[in-house]
Amino acid sequence: SAVYRLTSTTQGQIGTFDRQHTISGPATGLAARSATEIYYSSGRTLVRVVAGNPPVATSLTLPATIGGLDYVGGAEPFLLAISSAAGDHRIFRVPLNPATGDFTGTWVTFFQINVQPGSPLASFTYTGISLMPAWGSTREPVLYVTKEDGTAEPGDVAAVVDMHGTIL
């Protein structure tokens, strides 16, 4: 197994003691596919790092600054990435190659969170996202969106969003 250390500073390191990958800017999201394969976001760029000597890194650029990531496995694995740009409430779906885990080179807007005018959610910076099963009557998946607005602890839940993009 591998041990990773990630710092959200101007320069950070990911890897084991003998396998390192330099991060070129602040990391805003982190998701793992396995103990030796991780994804992180820095600005508009998603990076996949596979541990090795040297590690192998590939990247994909999205149209917005990313505030958080979530890896969703299965037969058709993908990353969810939430925009942290002011007034941009998009969540992107980034398909991954099922065999290799690498980026396919494509992305789509998974959905737009429906933020009502005047809602405090409009001013939040989104810092994280996680796809979870709901415990409600429908039990359909929902997204837990975390925020940073200067008035609460980092990682506080800002919204629970259904698969139609509606805040619950």
C-alpha atoms as a PDB file:
ATOM      1  CA  SER A   1       0.000   0.000   0.000  1.00  0.00           C
ATOM      2  CA  ALA A   2       0.988   3.612  -0.364  1.00  0.00           C
ATOM      3  CA  VAL A   3       0.784   6.545   1.992  1.00  0.00           C
ATOM      4  CA  TYR A   4      -0.120   9.978   0.610  1.00  0.00           C
ATOM      5  CA  ARG A   5       0.392  13.407   2.116  1.00  0.00           C
ATOM      6  CA  LEU A   6      -1.573  16.249   0.556  1.00  0.00           C
ATOM      7  CA  THR A   7      -1.193  19.866   1.556  1.00  0.00           C
ATOM      8  CA  SER A   8      -3.374  22.640   0.225  1.00  0.00           C
ATOM      9  CA  THR A   9      -0.565  25.177  -0.059  1.00  0.00           C
ATOM     10  CA  THR A  10       1.235  26.687  -3.005  1.00  0.00           C
ATOM     11  CA  GLN A  11       3.506  23.646  -3.215  1.00  0.00           C
ATOM     12  CA  GLY A  12       2.631  20.197  -1.900  1.00  0.00           C
ATOM     13  CA  GLN A  13       3.642  16.603  -2.336  1.00  0.00           C
ATOM     14  CA  ILE A  14       1.649  13.461  -3.084  1.00  0.00           C
ATOM     15  CA  GLY A  15       3.303  10.077  -2.861  1.00  0.00           C
ATOM     16  CA  THR A  16       5.282   7.727  -0.696  1.00  0.00           C
ATOM     17  CA  PHE A  17       8.781   8.508   0.508  1.00  0.00           C
ATOM     18  CA  ASP A  18      10.284   7.241  -2.755  1.00  0.00           C
ATOM     19  CA  ARG A  19       7.438   8.278  -5.080  1.00  0.00           C
ATOM     20  CA  GLN A  20       6.533  11.959  -5.207  1.00  0.00           C
ATOM     21  CA  HIS A  21       4.413  14.196  -7.378  1.00  0.00           C
ATOM     22  CA  THR A  22       4.651  17.977  -7.011  1.00  0.00           C
ATOM     23  CA  ILE A  23       1.384  19.916  -7.016  1.00  0.00           C
ATOM     24  CA  SER A  24       1.718  23.129  -8.996  1.00  0.00           C
ATOM     25  CA  GLY A  25      -0.900  25.105  -7.029  1.00  0.00           C
ATOM     26  CA  PRO A  26      -3.387  24.856  -4.165  1.00  0.00           C
ATOM     27  CA  ALA A  27      -5.328  21.589  -4.166  1.00  0.00           C
ATOM     28  CA  THR A  28      -9.062  22.124  -3.683  1.00  0.00           C
ATOM     29  CA  GLY A  29     -10.377  18.577  -3.959  1.00  0.00           C
ATOM     30  CA  LEU A  30      -9.150  15.029  -3.437  1.00  0.00           C
ATOM     31  CA  ALA A  31     -10.641  11.640  -4.359  1.00  0.00           C
ATOM     32  CA  ALA A  32      -9.100   8.177  -4.360  1.00  0.00           C
ATOM     33  CA  ARG A  33      -9.762   5.263  -6.689  1.00  0.00           C
ATOM     34  CA  SER A  34      -7.348   2.981  -4.838  1.00  0.00           C
ATOM     35  CA  ALA A  35      -4.413   3.159  -2.436  1.00  0.00           C
ATOM     36  CA  THR A  36      -2.099   3.950  -5.365  1.00  0.00           C
ATOM     37  CA  GLU A  37      -4.336   6.077  -7.594  1.00  0.00           C
ATOM     38  CA  ILE A  38      -5.755   9.470  -6.674  1.00  0.00           C
ATOM     39  CA  TYR A  39      -7.395  12.476  -8.300  1.00  0.00           C
ATOM     40  CA  TYR A  40      -7.071  16.063  -7.159  1.00  0.00           C
ATOM     41  CA  SER A  41      -8.220  19.439  -8.407  1.00  0.00           C
ATOM     42  CA  SER A  42      -6.210  22.619  -8.608  1.00  0.00           C
ATOM     43  CA  GLY A  43      -7.969  25.599 -10.125  1.00  0.00           C
ATOM     44  CA  ARG A  44      -9.750  24.381 -13.269  1.00  0.00           C
ATOM     45  CA  THR A  45      -7.490  21.347 -13.669  1.00  0.00           C
ATOM     46  CA  LEU A  46      -8.208  17.781 -12.571  1.00  0.00           C
ATOM     47  CA  VAL A  47      -5.128  15.606 -12.155  1.00  0.00           C
ATOM     48  CA  ARG A  48      -4.891  11.825 -11.911  1.00  0.00           C
ATOM     49  CA  VAL A  49      -1.760  10.495 -10.195  1.00  0.00           C
ATOM     50  CA  VAL A  50      -0.753   6.842 -10.214  1.00  0.00           C
ATOM     51  CA  ALA A  51       2.002   5.998  -7.733  1.00  0.00           C
ATOM     52  CA  GLY A  52       5.201   4.727  -9.242  1.00  0.00           C
ATOM     53  CA  ASN A  53       8.816   5.635  -9.569  1.00  0.00           C
ATOM     54  CA  PRO A  54       8.297   8.152 -11.062  1.00  0.00           C
ATOM     55  CA  PRO A  55       4.536   8.648 -10.590  1.00  0.00           C
ATOM     56  CA  VAL A  56       2.398   9.056 -13.701  1.00  0.00           C
ATOM     57  CA  ALA A  57       0.174  12.143 -13.869  1.00  0.00           C
ATOM     58  CA  THR A  58      -2.474  13.031 -16.448  1.00  0.00           C
ATOM     59  CA  SER A  59      -4.797  16.028 -16.425  1.00  0.00           C
ATOM     60  CA  LEU A  60      -8.065  17.410 -17.753  1.00  0.00           C
ATOM     61  CA  THR A  61      -9.184  21.059 -17.738  1.00  0.00           C
ATOM     62  CA  LEU A  62     -12.765  21.997 -16.840  1.00  0.00           C
ATOM     63  CA  PRO A  63     -14.541  25.309 -17.597  1.00  0.00           C
ATOM     64  CA  ALA A  64     -14.719  26.446 -13.949  1.00  0.00           C
ATOM     65  CA  THR A  65     -12.616  26.495 -10.799  1.00  0.00           C
ATOM     66  CA  ILE A  66     -13.300  23.307  -8.858  1.00  0.00           C
ATOM     67  CA  GLY A  67     -14.180  23.335  -5.155  1.00  0.00           C
ATOM     68  CA  GLY A  68     -14.406  19.605  -4.454  1.00  0.00           C
ATOM     69  CA  LEU A  69     -14.406  16.103  -5.954  1.00  0.00           C
ATOM     70  CA  ASP A  70     -16.070  12.759  -5.396  1.00  0.00           C
ATOM     71  CA  TYR A  71     -15.122   9.452  -7.055  1.00  0.00           C
ATOM     72  CA  VAL A  72     -18.066   7.237  -8.042  1.00  0.00           C
ATOM     73  CA  GLY A  73     -17.078   3.675  -8.964  1.00  0.00           C
ATOM     74  CA  GLY A  74     -18.944   0.907 -10.718  1.00  0.00           C
ATOM     75  CA  ALA A  75     -19.164  -0.346 -14.310  1.00  0.00           C
ATOM     76  CA  GLU A  76     -18.983   3.243 -15.597  1.00  0.00           C
ATOM     77  CA  PRO A  77     -16.850   5.137 -13.046  1.00  0.00           C
ATOM     78  CA  PHE A  78     -16.777   8.929 -12.970  1.00  0.00           C
ATOM     79  CA  LEU A  79     -15.735  11.938 -10.932  1.00  0.00           C
ATOM     80  CA  LEU A  80     -18.160  14.561  -9.706  1.00  0.00           C
ATOM     81  CA  ALA A  81     -16.632  18.030  -9.519  1.00  0.00           C
ATOM     82  CA  ILE A  82     -18.422  21.056  -8.075  1.00  0.00           C
ATOM     83  CA  SER A  83     -17.717  24.583  -9.243  1.00  0.00           C
ATOM     84  CA  SER A  84     -16.491  27.017  -6.617  1.00  0.00           C
ATOM     85  CA  ALA A  85     -16.840  30.035  -8.910  1.00  0.00           C
ATOM     86  CA  ALA A  86     -19.129  32.766  -7.551  1.00  0.00           C
ATOM     87  CA  GLY A  87     -22.683  32.373  -8.807  1.00  0.00           C
ATOM     88  CA  ASP A  88     -21.840  29.147 -10.681  1.00  0.00           C
ATOM     89  CA  HIS A  89     -23.815  26.250  -9.215  1.00  0.00           C
ATOM     90  CA  ARG A  90     -22.804  23.558 -11.716  1.00  0.00           C
ATOM     91  CA  ILE A  91     -21.765  20.031 -10.907  1.00  0.00           C
ATOM     92  CA  PHE A  92     -19.680  18.337 -13.606  1.00  0.00           C
ATOM     93  CA  ARG A  93     -19.585  14.624 -14.436  1.00  0.00           C
ATOM     94  CA  VAL A  94     -16.170  13.471 -15.679  1.00  0.00           C
ATOM     95  CA  PRO A  95     -16.252   9.927 -17.123  1.00  0.00           C
ATOM     96  CA  LEU A  96     -13.284   7.650 -16.445  1.00  0.00           C
ATOM     97  CA  ASN A  97     -12.009   4.689 -18.425  1.00  0.00           C
ATOM     98  CA  PRO A  98     -13.343   1.631 -16.496  1.00  0.00           C
ATOM     99  CA  ALA A  99     -10.211  -0.428 -17.189  1.00  0.00           C
ATOM    100  CA  THR A 100      -7.531   2.173 -16.501  1.00  0.00           C
ATOM    101  CA  GLY A 101      -9.205   4.940 -14.459  1.00  0.00           C
ATOM    102  CA  ASP A 102      -7.807   7.557 -16.831  1.00  0.00           C
ATOM    103  CA  PHE A 103      -9.790  10.544 -18.099  1.00  0.00           C
ATOM    104  CA  THR A 104     -11.760   9.914 -21.302  1.00  0.00           C
ATOM    105  CA  GLY A 105     -11.183  13.541 -22.344  1.00  0.00           C
ATOM    106  CA  THR A 106     -14.841  14.470 -21.981  1.00  0.00           C
ATOM    107  CA  TRP A 107     -17.058  16.026 -19.325  1.00  0.00           C
ATOM    108  CA  VAL A 108     -20.660  17.166 -19.073  1.00  0.00           C
ATOM    109  CA  THR A 109     -22.619  19.389 -16.731  1.00  0.00           C
ATOM    110  CA  PHE A 110     -24.182  16.734 -14.490  1.00  0.00           C
ATOM    111  CA  PHE A 111     -26.742  19.271 -13.343  1.00  0.00           C
ATOM    112  CA  GLN A 112     -27.243  22.787 -12.165  1.00  0.00           C
ATOM    113  CA  ILE A 113     -28.221  23.337  -8.521  1.00  0.00           C
ATOM    114  CA  ASN A 114     -31.440  25.358  -8.475  1.00  0.00           C
ATOM    115  CA  VAL A 115     -30.570  28.219  -6.115  1.00  0.00           C
ATOM    116  CA  GLN A 116     -33.509  30.571  -5.578  1.00  0.00           C
ATOM    117  CA  PRO A 117     -32.884  34.345  -5.838  1.00  0.00           C
ATOM    118  CA  GLY A 118     -32.010  35.771  -2.428  1.00  0.00           C
ATOM    119  CA  SER A 119     -30.997  32.392  -0.999  1.00  0.00           C
ATOM    120  CA  PRO A 120     -27.889  32.439   1.232  1.00  0.00           C
ATOM    121  CA  LEU A 121     -26.612  29.544  -0.900  1.00  0.00           C
ATOM    122  CA  ALA A 122     -26.007  31.995  -3.729  1.00  0.00           C
ATOM    123  CA  SER A 123     -23.113  33.580  -1.831  1.00  0.00           C
ATOM    124  CA  PHE A 124     -21.430  30.380  -0.607  1.00  0.00           C
ATOM    125  CA  THR A 125     -18.180  29.072  -2.007  1.00  0.00           C
ATOM    126  CA  TYR A 126     -18.677  25.341  -2.512  1.00  0.00           C
ATOM    127  CA  THR A 127     -15.782  23.336  -1.136  1.00  0.00           C
ATOM    128  CA  GLY A 128     -16.914  19.725  -1.333  1.00  0.00           C
ATOM    129  CA  ILE A 129     -19.354  17.257  -2.785  1.00  0.00           C
ATOM    130  CA  SER A 130     -20.312  13.695  -1.929  1.00  0.00           C
ATOM    131  CA  LEU A 131     -22.804  11.359  -3.600  1.00  0.00           C
ATOM    132  CA  MET A 132     -24.701   9.416  -0.933  1.00  0.00           C
ATOM    133  CA  PRO A 133     -27.842   7.246  -0.751  1.00  0.00           C
ATOM    134  CA  ALA A 134     -30.760   9.150   0.761  1.00  0.00           C
ATOM    135  CA  TRP A 135     -32.553   7.752   3.790  1.00  0.00           C
ATOM    136  CA  GLY A 136     -35.888   9.263   2.753  1.00  0.00           C
ATOM    137  CA  SER A 137     -38.882   7.428   1.376  1.00  0.00           C
ATOM    138  CA  THR A 138     -37.484   7.344  -2.169  1.00  0.00           C
ATOM    139  CA  ARG A 139     -33.943   6.282  -1.152  1.00  0.00           C
ATOM    140  CA  GLU A 140     -32.591   7.808  -4.353  1.00  0.00           C
ATOM    141  CA  PRO A 141     -29.026   9.167  -4.324  1.00  0.00           C
ATOM    142  CA  VAL A 142     -28.485  12.729  -3.191  1.00  0.00           C
ATOM    143  CA  LEU A 143     -25.496  15.055  -3.153  1.00  0.00           C
ATOM    144  CA  TYR A 144     -24.230  16.580   0.055  1.00  0.00           C
ATOM    145  CA  VAL A 145     -22.669  19.929  -0.844  1.00  0.00           C
ATOM    146  CA  THR A 146     -20.300  21.558   1.629  1.00  0.00           C
ATOM    147  CA  LYS A 147     -19.518  25.250   1.826  1.00  0.00           C
ATOM    148  CA  GLU A 148     -17.251  27.917   3.223  1.00  0.00           C
ATOM    149  CA  ASP A 149     -18.938  31.264   3.833  1.00  0.00           C
ATOM    150  CA  GLY A 150     -16.849  32.718   6.654  1.00  0.00           C
ATOM    151  CA  THR A 151     -19.574  32.168   9.254  1.00  0.00           C
ATOM    152  CA  ALA A 152     -19.245  28.449   9.928  1.00  0.00           C
ATOM    153  CA  GLU A 153     -16.718  25.674  10.152  1.00  0.00           C
ATOM    154  CA  PRO A 154     -15.172  24.449   6.876  1.00  0.00           C
ATOM    155  CA  GLY A 155     -17.008  21.387   5.663  1.00  0.00           C
ATOM    156  CA  ASP A 156     -20.424  22.386   6.972  1.00  0.00           C
ATOM    157  CA  VAL A 157     -23.218  21.026   4.813  1.00  0.00           C
ATOM    158  CA  ALA A 158     -24.661  23.805   2.682  1.00  0.00           C
ATOM    159  CA  ALA A 159     -27.284  21.775   0.875  1.00  0.00           C
ATOM    160  CA  VAL A 160     -28.640  18.336   0.153  1.00  0.00           C
ATOM    161  CA  VAL A 161     -29.429  18.162  -3.555  1.00  0.00           C
ATOM    162  CA  ASP A 162     -31.518  15.542  -5.364  1.00  0.00           C
ATOM    163  CA  MET A 163     -30.686  14.069  -8.754  1.00  0.00           C
ATOM    164  CA  HIS A 164     -32.724  16.788 -10.478  1.00  0.00           C
ATOM    165  CA  GLY A 165     -30.571  19.548  -8.994  1.00  0.00           C
ATOM    166  CA  THR A 166     -33.227  20.691  -6.528  1.00  0.00           C
ATOM    167  CA  ILE A 167     -32.188  21.617  -2.991  1.00  0.00           C
ATOM    168  CA  LEU A 168     -34.023  19.460  -0.465  1.00  0.00           C
END
